[in-house]
Amino acid sequence: MIDRSGLAEFLRRRREALQPEDVGLPRGPRRRTSGLRREEVAGLCHMSTDYYSRLERERGPQPSGQMLASIAQGLHLSLDERDHLFRLAGHNPPARSGTGEHISPGLLRVLDRLGDTPAEIVTEVGETLRQNALGIALNGDTTKYTGPSRSLGYRWFTDPATRARYAPGEHAFMTRMYASGLRELVTLRGPESRPAQLCDLLLAESEEFRRAWDEHEIGIKPRDTKHFVHPEVGALELECQRLVDPGQAHALMVYTATPGSESHEKLALLAVIGAQPFGTERR
């Protein structure tokens, strides 16, 4: 049963505890509000201000699990706080696992502060959970994929357009890397896990994956330097740094270029161009 009073009070307290800079929003010179405004939280949670306001006023329908997950992410709740939110709203909290999609507040805060370099947060199977504007400009909006195609490793073997984003000289290595990484995850997570499901699909759909899988290679890690082929600015040589959240097995990927290099100039151009939308066929 929903605890409307407890839910409303919890939401108000969490909203008032957050500052604009905590969630990547600018602080205006005339700002007097303690914490975030309701309309700001509603925007972060991808819902109407009216809907969110009714929750804080102990009104409105019982929020769905999907809506609660969005609120938990928008308010930068920890896993314990997320679970508490679900219980207040009369729902059982989602199971905690290595493939969960709730991003930790710390990882979100780091991403929110990365405005001048491409960055994204991905799951252990390469599903994009969040990108900054320059990350979208570099890779396209990869949060829009659904089903198994959410996984970059799955798309690598099933969508030829995905490979167009990487230099041809990297393709053979990346095939071995994705097969090796998936084998490790299947062993770690078990036969009923999401990695195992992706593996079964790829074994049925990709001859290339079957050949790489049969090699039983383990321990092939991503290279620090990645060679992209961008549809607007061309070849890019970028260093990739990974910050891993062990509690959720998520990774914050940050792409940087050597100052003064041609790739550095191209990243600056991408920042000016912005996240120009280009179709899946160009990703």
C-alpha atoms as a PDB file:
ATOM      1  CA  MET A   1       0.000   0.000   0.000  1.00  0.00           C
ATOM      2  CA  ILE A   2       1.256   3.454  -0.873  1.00  0.00           C
ATOM      3  CA  ASP A   3       2.344   5.710   1.991  1.00  0.00           C
ATOM      4  CA  ARG A   4       1.367   9.048   0.452  1.00  0.00           C
ATOM      5  CA  SER A   5       2.529  11.165   3.369  1.00  0.00           C
ATOM      6  CA  GLY A   6       5.875   9.395   3.663  1.00  0.00           C
ATOM      7  CA  LEU A   7       6.406   9.478  -0.095  1.00  0.00           C
ATOM      8  CA  ALA A   8       5.634  13.205  -0.328  1.00  0.00           C
ATOM      9  CA  GLU A   9       7.945  14.075   2.559  1.00  0.00           C
ATOM     10  CA  PHE A  10      10.780  11.928   1.192  1.00  0.00           C
ATOM     11  CA  LEU A  11      10.521  13.535  -2.241  1.00  0.00           C
ATOM     12  CA  ARG A  12      10.506  17.055  -0.759  1.00  0.00           C
ATOM     13  CA  ARG A  13      13.535  16.353   1.424  1.00  0.00           C
ATOM     14  CA  ARG A  14      15.540  14.848  -1.405  1.00  0.00           C
ATOM     15  CA  ARG A  15      14.618  17.694  -3.777  1.00  0.00           C
ATOM     16  CA  GLU A  16      15.599  20.351  -1.219  1.00  0.00           C
ATOM     17  CA  ALA A  17      18.912  18.586  -0.529  1.00  0.00           C
ATOM     18  CA  LEU A  18      20.016  18.813  -4.177  1.00  0.00           C
ATOM     19  CA  GLN A  19      21.665  21.895  -5.642  1.00  0.00           C
ATOM     20  CA  PRO A  20      21.628  22.783  -9.365  1.00  0.00           C
ATOM     21  CA  GLU A  21      25.325  22.029  -9.740  1.00  0.00           C
ATOM     22  CA  ASP A  22      24.744  18.547  -8.277  1.00  0.00           C
ATOM     23  CA  VAL A  23      22.681  17.604 -11.330  1.00  0.00           C
ATOM     24  CA  GLY A  24      24.443  19.592 -14.050  1.00  0.00           C
ATOM     25  CA  LEU A  25      22.089  22.599 -14.021  1.00  0.00           C
ATOM     26  CA  PRO A  26      23.257  26.244 -13.999  1.00  0.00           C
ATOM     27  CA  ARG A  27      22.701  28.360 -10.881  1.00  0.00           C
ATOM     28  CA  GLY A  28      21.183  31.707 -11.816  1.00  0.00           C
ATOM     29  CA  PRO A  29      22.393  34.865 -10.061  1.00  0.00           C
ATOM     30  CA  ARG A  30      18.943  35.593  -8.584  1.00  0.00           C
ATOM     31  CA  ARG A  31      18.191  32.091  -7.376  1.00  0.00           C
ATOM     32  CA  ARG A  32      16.582  32.013  -3.922  1.00  0.00           C
ATOM     33  CA  THR A  33      15.144  28.500  -3.874  1.00  0.00           C
ATOM     34  CA  SER A  34      16.603  26.090  -1.309  1.00  0.00           C
ATOM     35  CA  GLY A  35      17.482  23.068  -3.389  1.00  0.00           C
ATOM     36  CA  LEU A  36      15.887  22.329  -6.739  1.00  0.00           C
ATOM     37  CA  ARG A  37      12.571  23.639  -8.001  1.00  0.00           C
ATOM     38  CA  ARG A  38       9.774  21.184  -8.686  1.00  0.00           C
ATOM     39  CA  GLU A  39       9.885  21.935 -12.414  1.00  0.00           C
ATOM     40  CA  GLU A  40      13.621  21.204 -12.457  1.00  0.00           C
ATOM     41  CA  VAL A  41      13.127  17.823 -10.800  1.00  0.00           C
ATOM     42  CA  ALA A  42      10.255  17.030 -13.151  1.00  0.00           C
ATOM     43  CA  GLY A  43      12.506  17.726 -16.123  1.00  0.00           C
ATOM     44  CA  LEU A  44      15.255  15.522 -14.714  1.00  0.00           C
ATOM     45  CA  CYS A  45      12.695  12.740 -14.175  1.00  0.00           C
ATOM     46  CA  HIS A  46      11.158  13.104 -17.665  1.00  0.00           C
ATOM     47  CA  MET A  47       7.656  13.839 -16.391  1.00  0.00           C
ATOM     48  CA  SER A  48       5.283  16.787 -16.198  1.00  0.00           C
ATOM     49  CA  THR A  49       5.641  19.310 -13.389  1.00  0.00           C
ATOM     50  CA  ASP A  50       1.986  18.773 -12.528  1.00  0.00           C
ATOM     51  CA  TYR A  51       2.460  15.020 -12.069  1.00  0.00           C
ATOM     52  CA  TYR A  52       5.520  15.456  -9.853  1.00  0.00           C
ATOM     53  CA  SER A  53       3.897  18.256  -7.842  1.00  0.00           C
ATOM     54  CA  ARG A  54       0.881  16.078  -7.073  1.00  0.00           C
ATOM     55  CA  LEU A  55       3.156  13.415  -5.597  1.00  0.00           C
ATOM     56  CA  GLU A  56       4.686  15.980  -3.240  1.00  0.00           C
ATOM     57  CA  ARG A  57       1.179  17.091  -2.273  1.00  0.00           C
ATOM     58  CA  GLU A  58       0.029  13.550  -1.455  1.00  0.00           C
ATOM     59  CA  ARG A  59      -2.243  13.395  -4.485  1.00  0.00           C
ATOM     60  CA  GLY A  60      -2.443  11.690  -7.853  1.00  0.00           C
ATOM     61  CA  PRO A  61      -2.344   8.019  -8.875  1.00  0.00           C
ATOM     62  CA  GLN A  62       0.063   5.459  -7.525  1.00  0.00           C
ATOM     63  CA  PRO A  63       3.269   5.823  -9.596  1.00  0.00           C
ATOM     64  CA  SER A  64       4.357   2.841 -11.658  1.00  0.00           C
ATOM     65  CA  GLY A  65       7.655   1.069 -11.190  1.00  0.00           C
ATOM     66  CA  GLN A  66       8.971   2.673 -14.368  1.00  0.00           C
ATOM     67  CA  MET A  67       8.012   6.124 -13.089  1.00  0.00           C
ATOM     68  CA  LEU A  68       9.665   5.455  -9.736  1.00  0.00           C
ATOM     69  CA  ALA A  69      12.869   4.332 -11.454  1.00  0.00           C
ATOM     70  CA  SER A  70      12.881   7.602 -13.392  1.00  0.00           C
ATOM     71  CA  ILE A  71      12.333   9.605 -10.194  1.00  0.00           C
ATOM     72  CA  ALA A  72      15.112   7.725  -8.410  1.00  0.00           C
ATOM     73  CA  GLN A  73      17.521   8.497 -11.240  1.00  0.00           C
ATOM     74  CA  GLY A  74      16.433  12.131 -11.561  1.00  0.00           C
ATOM     75  CA  LEU A  75      16.901  12.747  -7.834  1.00  0.00           C
ATOM     76  CA  HIS A  76      20.294  10.985  -7.865  1.00  0.00           C
ATOM     77  CA  LEU A  77      19.205   8.485  -5.216  1.00  0.00           C
ATOM     78  CA  SER A  78      21.491   5.793  -3.895  1.00  0.00           C
ATOM     79  CA  LEU A  79      20.363   2.167  -4.207  1.00  0.00           C
ATOM     80  CA  ASP A  80      19.155   2.153  -0.597  1.00  0.00           C
ATOM     81  CA  GLU A  81      17.227   5.377  -1.190  1.00  0.00           C
ATOM     82  CA  ARG A  82      15.769   3.977  -4.416  1.00  0.00           C
ATOM     83  CA  ASP A  83      14.546   0.870  -2.609  1.00  0.00           C
ATOM     84  CA  HIS A  84      13.003   3.049   0.122  1.00  0.00           C
ATOM     85  CA  LEU A  85      11.210   5.107  -2.540  1.00  0.00           C
ATOM     86  CA  PHE A  86       9.713   1.974  -4.095  1.00  0.00           C
ATOM     87  CA  ARG A  87       8.461   0.705  -0.731  1.00  0.00           C
ATOM     88  CA  LEU A  88       6.886   4.071   0.139  1.00  0.00           C
ATOM     89  CA  ALA A  89       5.042   3.931  -3.192  1.00  0.00           C
ATOM     90  CA  GLY A  90       3.750   0.415  -2.500  1.00  0.00           C
ATOM     91  CA  HIS A  91       6.098  -1.499  -4.819  1.00  0.00           C
ATOM     92  CA  ASN A  92       8.749  -4.132  -4.275  1.00  0.00           C
ATOM     93  CA  PRO A  93      12.182  -2.698  -5.133  1.00  0.00           C
ATOM     94  CA  PRO A  94      13.897  -4.009  -8.282  1.00  0.00           C
ATOM     95  CA  ALA A  95      16.361  -6.822  -7.735  1.00  0.00           C
ATOM     96  CA  ARG A  96      19.952  -5.723  -7.385  1.00  0.00           C
ATOM     97  CA  SER A  97      22.281  -7.307  -9.923  1.00  0.00           C
ATOM     98  CA  GLY A  98      25.344  -6.669 -12.015  1.00  0.00           C
ATOM     99  CA  THR A  99      23.112  -5.724 -14.929  1.00  0.00           C
ATOM    100  CA  GLY A 100      20.894  -3.266 -13.022  1.00  0.00           C
ATOM    101  CA  GLU A 101      20.281   0.081 -14.705  1.00  0.00           C
ATOM    102  CA  HIS A 102      20.179   2.418 -11.707  1.00  0.00           C
ATOM    103  CA  ILE A 103      23.219   4.705 -11.954  1.00  0.00           C
ATOM    104  CA  SER A 104      24.947   5.626  -8.700  1.00  0.00           C
ATOM    105  CA  PRO A 105      24.792   9.314  -7.669  1.00  0.00           C
ATOM    106  CA  GLY A 106      28.582   9.576  -7.681  1.00  0.00           C
ATOM    107  CA  LEU A 107      28.876   8.382 -11.267  1.00  0.00           C
ATOM    108  CA  LEU A 108      26.105  10.750 -12.334  1.00  0.00           C
ATOM    109  CA  ARG A 109      27.809  13.706 -10.638  1.00  0.00           C
ATOM    110  CA  VAL A 110      31.024  13.022 -12.518  1.00  0.00           C
ATOM    111  CA  LEU A 111      29.167  12.762 -15.837  1.00  0.00           C
ATOM    112  CA  ASP A 112      27.236  15.978 -15.151  1.00  0.00           C
ATOM    113  CA  ARG A 113      30.522  17.853 -14.787  1.00  0.00           C
ATOM    114  CA  LEU A 114      32.018  16.617 -18.058  1.00  0.00           C
ATOM    115  CA  GLY A 115      30.892  19.274 -20.486  1.00  0.00           C
ATOM    116  CA  ASP A 116      33.930  19.566 -22.737  1.00  0.00           C
ATOM    117  CA  THR A 117      34.704  15.928 -23.556  1.00  0.00           C
ATOM    118  CA  PRO A 118      32.592  13.000 -24.822  1.00  0.00           C
ATOM    119  CA  ALA A 119      31.406  10.708 -22.029  1.00  0.00           C
ATOM    120  CA  GLU A 120      28.836   7.984 -21.460  1.00  0.00           C
ATOM    121  CA  ILE A 121      27.764   5.480 -18.810  1.00  0.00           C
ATOM    122  CA  VAL A 122      27.360   1.881 -19.963  1.00  0.00           C
ATOM    123  CA  THR A 123      26.453  -1.468 -18.429  1.00  0.00           C
ATOM    124  CA  GLU A 124      28.797  -4.441 -18.405  1.00  0.00           C
ATOM    125  CA  VAL A 125      27.284  -5.684 -21.676  1.00  0.00           C
ATOM    126  CA  GLY A 126      27.713  -2.321 -23.394  1.00  0.00           C
ATOM    127  CA  GLU A 127      24.202  -0.886 -23.020  1.00  0.00           C
ATOM    128  CA  THR A 128      24.304   2.908 -22.942  1.00  0.00           C
ATOM    129  CA  LEU A 129      22.433   4.324 -19.947  1.00  0.00           C
ATOM    130  CA  ARG A 130      23.403   7.979 -20.195  1.00  0.00           C
ATOM    131  CA  GLN A 131      25.455  10.235 -22.508  1.00  0.00           C
ATOM    132  CA  ASN A 132      26.475  13.855 -22.322  1.00  0.00           C
ATOM    133  CA  ALA A 133      25.906  16.175 -25.284  1.00  0.00           C
ATOM    134  CA  LEU A 134      29.379  15.660 -26.746  1.00  0.00           C
ATOM    135  CA  GLY A 135      29.045  11.904 -26.277  1.00  0.00           C
ATOM    136  CA  ILE A 136      25.940  12.016 -28.462  1.00  0.00           C
ATOM    137  CA  ALA A 137      27.791  14.185 -30.976  1.00  0.00           C
ATOM    138  CA  LEU A 138      30.538  11.547 -31.145  1.00  0.00           C
ATOM    139  CA  ASN A 139      28.526   8.312 -31.162  1.00  0.00           C
ATOM    140  CA  GLY A 140      24.945   9.325 -31.885  1.00  0.00           C
ATOM    141  CA  ASP A 141      22.190   8.715 -29.336  1.00  0.00           C
ATOM    142  CA  THR A 142      22.876   5.099 -28.431  1.00  0.00           C
ATOM    143  CA  THR A 143      20.310   5.132 -25.610  1.00  0.00           C
ATOM    144  CA  LYS A 144      17.553   4.808 -28.241  1.00  0.00           C
ATOM    145  CA  TYR A 145      18.234   1.166 -29.085  1.00  0.00           C
ATOM    146  CA  THR A 146      15.868  -1.488 -27.737  1.00  0.00           C
ATOM    147  CA  GLY A 147      16.054  -5.217 -27.093  1.00  0.00           C
ATOM    148  CA  PRO A 148      19.385  -6.998 -27.584  1.00  0.00           C
ATOM    149  CA  SER A 149      20.501  -4.176 -29.914  1.00  0.00           C
ATOM    150  CA  ARG A 150      21.022  -2.038 -26.829  1.00  0.00           C
ATOM    151  CA  SER A 151      24.300  -3.932 -26.400  1.00  0.00           C
ATOM    152  CA  LEU A 152      27.185  -2.575 -28.462  1.00  0.00           C
ATOM    153  CA  GLY A 153      28.742  -6.044 -28.501  1.00  0.00           C
ATOM    154  CA  TYR A 154      25.560  -7.498 -29.992  1.00  0.00           C
ATOM    155  CA  ARG A 155      25.386  -4.734 -32.603  1.00  0.00           C
ATOM    156  CA  TRP A 156      29.016  -5.347 -33.493  1.00  0.00           C
ATOM    157  CA  PHE A 157      28.131  -8.778 -34.868  1.00  0.00           C
ATOM    158  CA  THR A 158      24.664  -8.028 -36.241  1.00  0.00           C
ATOM    159  CA  ASP A 159      24.685  -4.426 -37.531  1.00  0.00           C
ATOM    160  CA  PRO A 160      27.309  -3.609 -40.194  1.00  0.00           C
ATOM    161  CA  ALA A 161      26.663   0.117 -39.726  1.00  0.00           C
ATOM    162  CA  THR A 162      28.050  -0.102 -36.182  1.00  0.00           C
ATOM    163  CA  ARG A 163      31.466  -1.043 -37.569  1.00  0.00           C
ATOM    164  CA  ALA A 164      31.527   2.031 -39.780  1.00  0.00           C
ATOM    165  CA  ARG A 165      32.179   4.052 -36.622  1.00  0.00           C
ATOM    166  CA  TYR A 166      35.560   2.337 -36.125  1.00  0.00           C
ATOM    167  CA  ALA A 167      38.698   2.177 -38.243  1.00  0.00           C
ATOM    168  CA  PRO A 168      38.868  -1.051 -40.303  1.00  0.00           C
ATOM    169  CA  GLY A 169      42.252  -1.926 -38.793  1.00  0.00           C
ATOM    170  CA  GLU A 170      40.542  -2.324 -35.393  1.00  0.00           C
ATOM    171  CA  HIS A 171      37.803  -4.704 -36.498  1.00  0.00           C
ATOM    172  CA  ALA A 172      39.552  -8.070 -36.040  1.00  0.00           C
ATOM    173  CA  PHE A 173      40.763  -7.136 -32.564  1.00  0.00           C
ATOM    174  CA  MET A 174      37.339  -5.870 -31.506  1.00  0.00           C
ATOM    175  CA  THR A 175      35.691  -9.095 -32.648  1.00  0.00           C
ATOM    176  CA  ARG A 176      38.046 -11.089 -30.423  1.00  0.00           C
ATOM    177  CA  MET A 177      37.601  -8.606 -27.557  1.00  0.00           C
ATOM    178  CA  TYR A 178      33.790  -8.761 -27.578  1.00  0.00           C
ATOM    179  CA  ALA A 179      33.732 -12.565 -27.734  1.00  0.00           C
ATOM    180  CA  SER A 180      36.293 -12.822 -24.938  1.00  0.00           C
ATOM    181  CA  GLY A 181      34.477 -10.309 -22.734  1.00  0.00           C
ATOM    182  CA  LEU A 182      31.111 -11.999 -23.205  1.00  0.00           C
ATOM    183  CA  ARG A 183      32.586 -15.400 -22.343  1.00  0.00           C
ATOM    184  CA  GLU A 184      33.912 -13.998 -19.057  1.00  0.00           C
ATOM    185  CA  LEU A 185      30.528 -12.454 -18.230  1.00  0.00           C
ATOM    186  CA  VAL A 186      28.605 -15.642 -19.021  1.00  0.00           C
ATOM    187  CA  THR A 187      30.864 -17.557 -16.628  1.00  0.00           C
ATOM    188  CA  LEU A 188      30.544 -14.832 -13.981  1.00  0.00           C
ATOM    189  CA  ARG A 189      26.771 -14.245 -14.189  1.00  0.00           C
ATOM    190  CA  GLY A 190      25.507 -17.727 -15.016  1.00  0.00           C
ATOM    191  CA  PRO A 191      23.346 -19.455 -17.644  1.00  0.00           C
ATOM    192  CA  GLU A 192      20.158 -17.455 -16.915  1.00  0.00           C
ATOM    193  CA  SER A 193      21.825 -14.046 -17.098  1.00  0.00           C
ATOM    194  CA  ARG A 194      21.571 -11.294 -19.689  1.00  0.00           C
ATOM    195  CA  PRO A 195      25.106 -12.021 -20.981  1.00  0.00           C
ATOM    196  CA  ALA A 196      24.080 -15.665 -21.506  1.00  0.00           C
ATOM    197  CA  GLN A 197      20.962 -14.593 -23.404  1.00  0.00           C
ATOM    198  CA  LEU A 198      23.038 -12.352 -25.672  1.00  0.00           C
ATOM    199  CA  CYS A 199      25.494 -15.187 -26.235  1.00  0.00           C
ATOM    200  CA  ASP A 200      22.725 -17.582 -27.291  1.00  0.00           C
ATOM    201  CA  LEU A 201      21.353 -15.024 -29.736  1.00  0.00           C
ATOM    202  CA  LEU A 202      24.763 -14.367 -31.272  1.00  0.00           C
ATOM    203  CA  LEU A 203      25.563 -18.069 -31.598  1.00  0.00           C
ATOM    204  CA  ALA A 204      22.345 -18.427 -33.578  1.00  0.00           C
ATOM    205  CA  GLU A 205      22.767 -15.284 -35.698  1.00  0.00           C
ATOM    206  CA  SER A 206      26.468 -14.693 -36.389  1.00  0.00           C
ATOM    207  CA  GLU A 207      28.961 -17.053 -37.991  1.00  0.00           C
ATOM    208  CA  GLU A 208      31.756 -14.624 -37.131  1.00  0.00           C
ATOM    209  CA  PHE A 209      30.793 -14.725 -33.455  1.00  0.00           C
ATOM    210  CA  ARG A 210      30.659 -18.545 -33.500  1.00  0.00           C
ATOM    211  CA  ARG A 211      34.205 -18.689 -34.888  1.00  0.00           C
ATOM    212  CA  ALA A 212      35.505 -16.248 -32.285  1.00  0.00           C
ATOM    213  CA  TRP A 213      33.595 -18.014 -29.496  1.00  0.00           C
ATOM    214  CA  ASP A 214      35.094 -21.375 -30.449  1.00  0.00           C
ATOM    215  CA  GLU A 215      38.593 -19.953 -29.838  1.00  0.00           C
ATOM    216  CA  HIS A 216      37.837 -19.767 -26.067  1.00  0.00           C
ATOM    217  CA  GLU A 217      39.955 -16.641 -25.680  1.00  0.00           C
ATOM    218  CA  ILE A 218      39.872 -14.943 -22.258  1.00  0.00           C
ATOM    219  CA  GLY A 219      41.334 -11.707 -20.955  1.00  0.00           C
ATOM    220  CA  ILE A 220      41.355  -9.599 -24.121  1.00  0.00           C
ATOM    221  CA  LYS A 221      40.849  -6.095 -22.740  1.00  0.00           C
ATOM    222  CA  PRO A 222      39.892  -2.888 -24.601  1.00  0.00           C
ATOM    223  CA  ARG A 223      42.787  -0.805 -25.821  1.00  0.00           C
ATOM    224  CA  ASP A 224      43.292   2.616 -24.286  1.00  0.00           C
ATOM    225  CA  THR A 225      43.417   4.258 -27.714  1.00  0.00           C
ATOM    226  CA  LYS A 226      40.335   4.009 -29.916  1.00  0.00           C
ATOM    227  CA  HIS A 227      40.148   4.920 -33.592  1.00  0.00           C
ATOM    228  CA  PHE A 228      36.748   6.280 -34.580  1.00  0.00           C
ATOM    229  CA  VAL A 229      35.426   7.222 -37.994  1.00  0.00           C
ATOM    230  CA  HIS A 230      32.900  10.018 -37.517  1.00  0.00           C
ATOM    231  CA  PRO A 231      30.417  10.822 -40.327  1.00  0.00           C
ATOM    232  CA  GLU A 232      31.010  14.584 -40.045  1.00  0.00           C
ATOM    233  CA  VAL A 233      34.636  15.078 -38.968  1.00  0.00           C
ATOM    234  CA  GLY A 234      36.282  11.851 -40.155  1.00  0.00           C
ATOM    235  CA  ALA A 235      39.027   9.913 -38.368  1.00  0.00           C
ATOM    236  CA  LEU A 236      39.468  10.473 -34.623  1.00  0.00           C
ATOM    237  CA  GLU A 237      42.171   9.003 -32.369  1.00  0.00           C
ATOM    238  CA  LEU A 238      40.906   9.203 -28.786  1.00  0.00           C
ATOM    239  CA  GLU A 239      42.100   7.936 -25.437  1.00  0.00           C
ATOM    240  CA  CYS A 240      39.424   6.138 -23.420  1.00  0.00           C
ATOM    241  CA  GLN A 241      39.452   6.252 -19.616  1.00  0.00           C
ATOM    242  CA  ARG A 242      37.072   3.980 -17.658  1.00  0.00           C
ATOM    243  CA  LEU A 243      35.743   4.689 -14.177  1.00  0.00           C
ATOM    244  CA  VAL A 244      33.998   1.543 -12.890  1.00  0.00           C
ATOM    245  CA  ASP A 245      31.268   1.403 -10.250  1.00  0.00           C
ATOM    246  CA  PRO A 246      31.800  -2.071  -8.747  1.00  0.00           C
ATOM    247  CA  GLY A 247      28.431  -2.072  -6.989  1.00  0.00           C
ATOM    248  CA  GLN A 248      26.500  -1.883 -10.262  1.00  0.00           C
ATOM    249  CA  ALA A 249      29.153  -3.009 -12.773  1.00  0.00           C
ATOM    250  CA  HIS A 250      28.644   0.215 -14.695  1.00  0.00           C
ATOM    251  CA  ALA A 251      31.478   2.088 -16.379  1.00  0.00           C
ATOM    252  CA  LEU A 252      31.848   5.791 -17.097  1.00  0.00           C
ATOM    253  CA  MET A 253      33.672   6.070 -20.428  1.00  0.00           C
ATOM    254  CA  VAL A 254      35.507   9.331 -21.085  1.00  0.00           C
ATOM    255  CA  TYR A 255      37.094  10.057 -24.478  1.00  0.00           C
ATOM    256  CA  THR A 256      39.915  12.575 -24.748  1.00  0.00           C
ATOM    257  CA  ALA A 257      42.346  13.712 -27.442  1.00  0.00           C
ATOM    258  CA  THR A 258      45.957  14.837 -27.132  1.00  0.00           C
ATOM    259  CA  PRO A 259      45.998  18.661 -26.890  1.00  0.00           C
ATOM    260  CA  GLY A 260      47.116  20.254 -30.131  1.00  0.00           C
ATOM    261  CA  SER A 261      46.456  17.138 -32.189  1.00  0.00           C
ATOM    262  CA  GLU A 262      44.189  16.960 -35.214  1.00  0.00           C
ATOM    263  CA  SER A 263      41.750  14.840 -33.200  1.00  0.00           C
ATOM    264  CA  HIS A 264      41.682  17.521 -30.489  1.00  0.00           C
ATOM    265  CA  GLU A 265      40.715  20.109 -33.088  1.00  0.00           C
ATOM    266  CA  LYS A 266      38.005  17.805 -34.427  1.00  0.00           C
ATOM    267  CA  LEU A 267      36.548  17.332 -30.953  1.00  0.00           C
ATOM    268  CA  ALA A 268      36.410  21.100 -30.593  1.00  0.00           C
ATOM    269  CA  LEU A 269      34.568  21.230 -33.917  1.00  0.00           C
ATOM    270  CA  LEU A 270      32.112  18.598 -32.687  1.00  0.00           C
ATOM    271  CA  ALA A 271      31.426  20.715 -29.616  1.00  0.00           C
ATOM    272  CA  VAL A 272      30.509  23.615 -31.920  1.00  0.00           C
ATOM    273  CA  ILE A 273      28.433  21.467 -34.250  1.00  0.00           C
ATOM    274  CA  GLY A 274      26.637  19.973 -31.264  1.00  0.00           C
ATOM    275  CA  ALA A 275      24.669  16.760 -31.209  1.00  0.00           C
ATOM    276  CA  GLN A 276      23.556  16.929 -34.811  1.00  0.00           C
ATOM    277  CA  PRO A 277      21.174  13.988 -35.151  1.00  0.00           C
ATOM    278  CA  PHE A 278      22.222  11.392 -37.654  1.00  0.00           C
ATOM    279  CA  GLY A 279      20.393   8.177 -38.345  1.00  0.00           C
ATOM    280  CA  THR A 280      21.213   4.703 -37.117  1.00  0.00           C
ATOM    281  CA  GLU A 281      22.547   3.870 -40.543  1.00  0.00           C
ATOM    282  CA  ARG A 282      25.341   6.416 -40.016  1.00  0.00           C
ATOM    283  CA  ARG A 283      26.290   5.184 -36.559  1.00  0.00           C
END
